Amino acid sequence: MEDKDILHHLLMVEAEAASLANDATMEADRRIASSEKQSRLRYEEQFARTVAQCEAQYNNDIVAVKASYQEELDAFCRDLDCMKEDRDSFNRLMESFLF
């Protein structure tokens, strides 16, 4: 009977060990899932901040480029307005090209 008791005890220990291993696996899975969720949330927050910064920089750059373009266009228009028309020279040039 002693051998039977020993085997029964060993089977009980093995069942308890299997239960503990299963519990540990479930706890590890729960912790991994929780960690992945927190990492995902941190990533999404950082991504949203980075996108907002990039959009703000883009909008600032667009405003600066438009202002620079407008300044150059205004300067060009002023230069054109200041130029004196020389129709005689133009007509002579055209005659030299065409005839």
Protein backbone atom coordinates (compact mmCIF):
# COMPACT_ATOMS: atom_id res chain seq x y z
CA MET A 1 0.00 0.00 0.00
CA GLU A 2 2.86 2.26 0.58
CA ASP A 3 3.81 2.28 -3.12
CA LYS A 4 0.24 3.18 -4.04
CA ASP A 5 0.26 6.10 -1.60
CA ILE A 6 3.58 7.31 -2.97
CA LEU A 7 2.30 7.16 -6.57
CA HIS A 8 -0.91 8.90 -5.55
CA HIS A 9 1.11 11.61 -3.79
CA LEU A 10 3.37 12.03 -6.84
CA LEU A 11 0.36 12.33 -9.14
CA MET A 12 -1.12 14.97 -6.82
CA VAL A 13 2.19 16.88 -6.86
CA GLU A 14 2.30 16.62 -10.66
CA ALA A 15 -1.28 17.87 -10.95
CA GLU A 16 -0.50 20.78 -8.63
CA ALA A 17 2.65 21.59 -10.63
CA ALA A 18 0.65 21.50 -13.88
CA SER A 19 -1.94 23.79 -12.32
CA LEU A 20 0.77 26.21 -11.15
CA ALA A 21 2.42 26.14 -14.59
CA ASN A 22 -0.96 26.81 -16.22
CA ASP A 23 -1.65 29.68 -13.82
CA ALA A 24 1.81 31.12 -14.50
CA THR A 25 1.22 30.88 -18.25
CA MET A 26 -2.14 32.63 -17.93
CA GLU A 27 -0.59 35.36 -15.75
CA ALA A 28 2.27 35.82 -18.21
CA ASP A 29 -0.20 36.10 -21.09
CA ARG A 30 -2.24 38.65 -19.13
CA ARG A 31 0.87 40.71 -18.35
CA ILE A 32 2.06 40.54 -21.96
CA ALA A 33 -1.35 41.67 -23.23
CA SER A 34 -1.44 44.50 -20.70
CA SER A 35 2.08 45.57 -21.64
CA GLU A 36 1.25 45.46 -25.35
CA LYS A 37 -1.86 47.56 -24.74
CA GLN A 38 0.11 50.18 -22.78
CA SER A 39 2.86 50.21 -25.41
CA ARG A 40 0.26 50.66 -28.14
CA LEU A 41 -1.34 53.58 -26.28
CA ARG A 42 2.06 55.24 -25.75
CA TYR A 43 2.87 54.73 -29.44
CA GLU A 44 -0.44 56.23 -30.56
CA GLU A 45 0.02 59.23 -28.26
CA GLN A 46 3.56 59.83 -29.53
CA PHE A 47 2.41 59.33 -33.13
CA ALA A 48 -0.41 61.86 -32.66
CA ARG A 49 2.02 64.40 -31.15
CA THR A 50 4.50 63.89 -33.98
CA VAL A 51 1.76 64.24 -36.61
CA ALA A 52 0.53 67.44 -34.97
CA GLN A 53 4.07 68.85 -34.91
CA CYS A 54 4.65 67.93 -38.56
CA GLU A 55 1.32 69.45 -39.61
CA ALA A 56 2.08 72.64 -37.69
CA GLN A 57 5.54 72.87 -39.29
CA TYR A 58 4.02 72.19 -42.70
CA ASN A 59 1.43 74.93 -42.24
CA ASN A 60 4.12 77.37 -41.07
CA ASP A 61 6.27 76.50 -44.07
CA ILE A 62 3.32 77.00 -46.44
CA VAL A 63 2.65 80.44 -44.96
CA ALA A 64 6.34 81.39 -45.28
CA VAL A 65 6.56 80.16 -48.88
CA LYS A 66 3.37 81.98 -49.86
CA ALA A 67 4.66 85.19 -48.28
CA SER A 68 8.01 84.84 -50.06
CA TYR A 69 6.27 84.12 -53.35
CA GLN A 70 4.02 87.13 -52.95
CA GLU A 71 7.01 89.38 -52.14
CA GLU A 72 8.86 88.20 -55.24
CA LEU A 73 5.77 88.63 -57.40
CA ASP A 74 5.17 92.13 -56.06
CA ALA A 75 8.82 93.08 -56.68
CA PHE A 76 8.59 91.71 -60.23
CA CYS A 77 5.39 93.66 -60.88
CA ARG A 78 6.99 96.85 -59.52
CA ASP A 79 9.99 96.32 -61.78
CA LEU A 80 7.70 95.86 -64.77
CA ASP A 81 5.74 98.99 -63.89
CA CYS A 82 8.96 100.99 -63.66
CA MET A 83 10.24 99.90 -67.06
CA LYS A 84 9.89 102.35 -69.87
CA GLU A 85 8.47 101.03 -73.13
CA ASP A 86 10.79 101.45 -76.09
CA ARG A 87 8.59 100.59 -79.04
CA ASP A 88 11.05 101.82 -81.65
CA SER A 89 13.79 99.49 -80.46
CA PHE A 90 11.33 96.63 -80.20
CA ASN A 91 10.08 97.21 -83.74
CA ARG A 92 13.67 97.33 -85.08
CA LEU A 93 14.48 94.08 -83.29
CA MET A 94 11.42 92.35 -84.71
CA GLU A 95 12.24 93.57 -88.21
CA SER A 96 15.76 92.16 -87.87
CA PHE A 97 14.36 88.77 -86.84
CA LEU A 98 11.62 88.63 -89.45
CA PHE A 99 13.18 90.27 -92.48
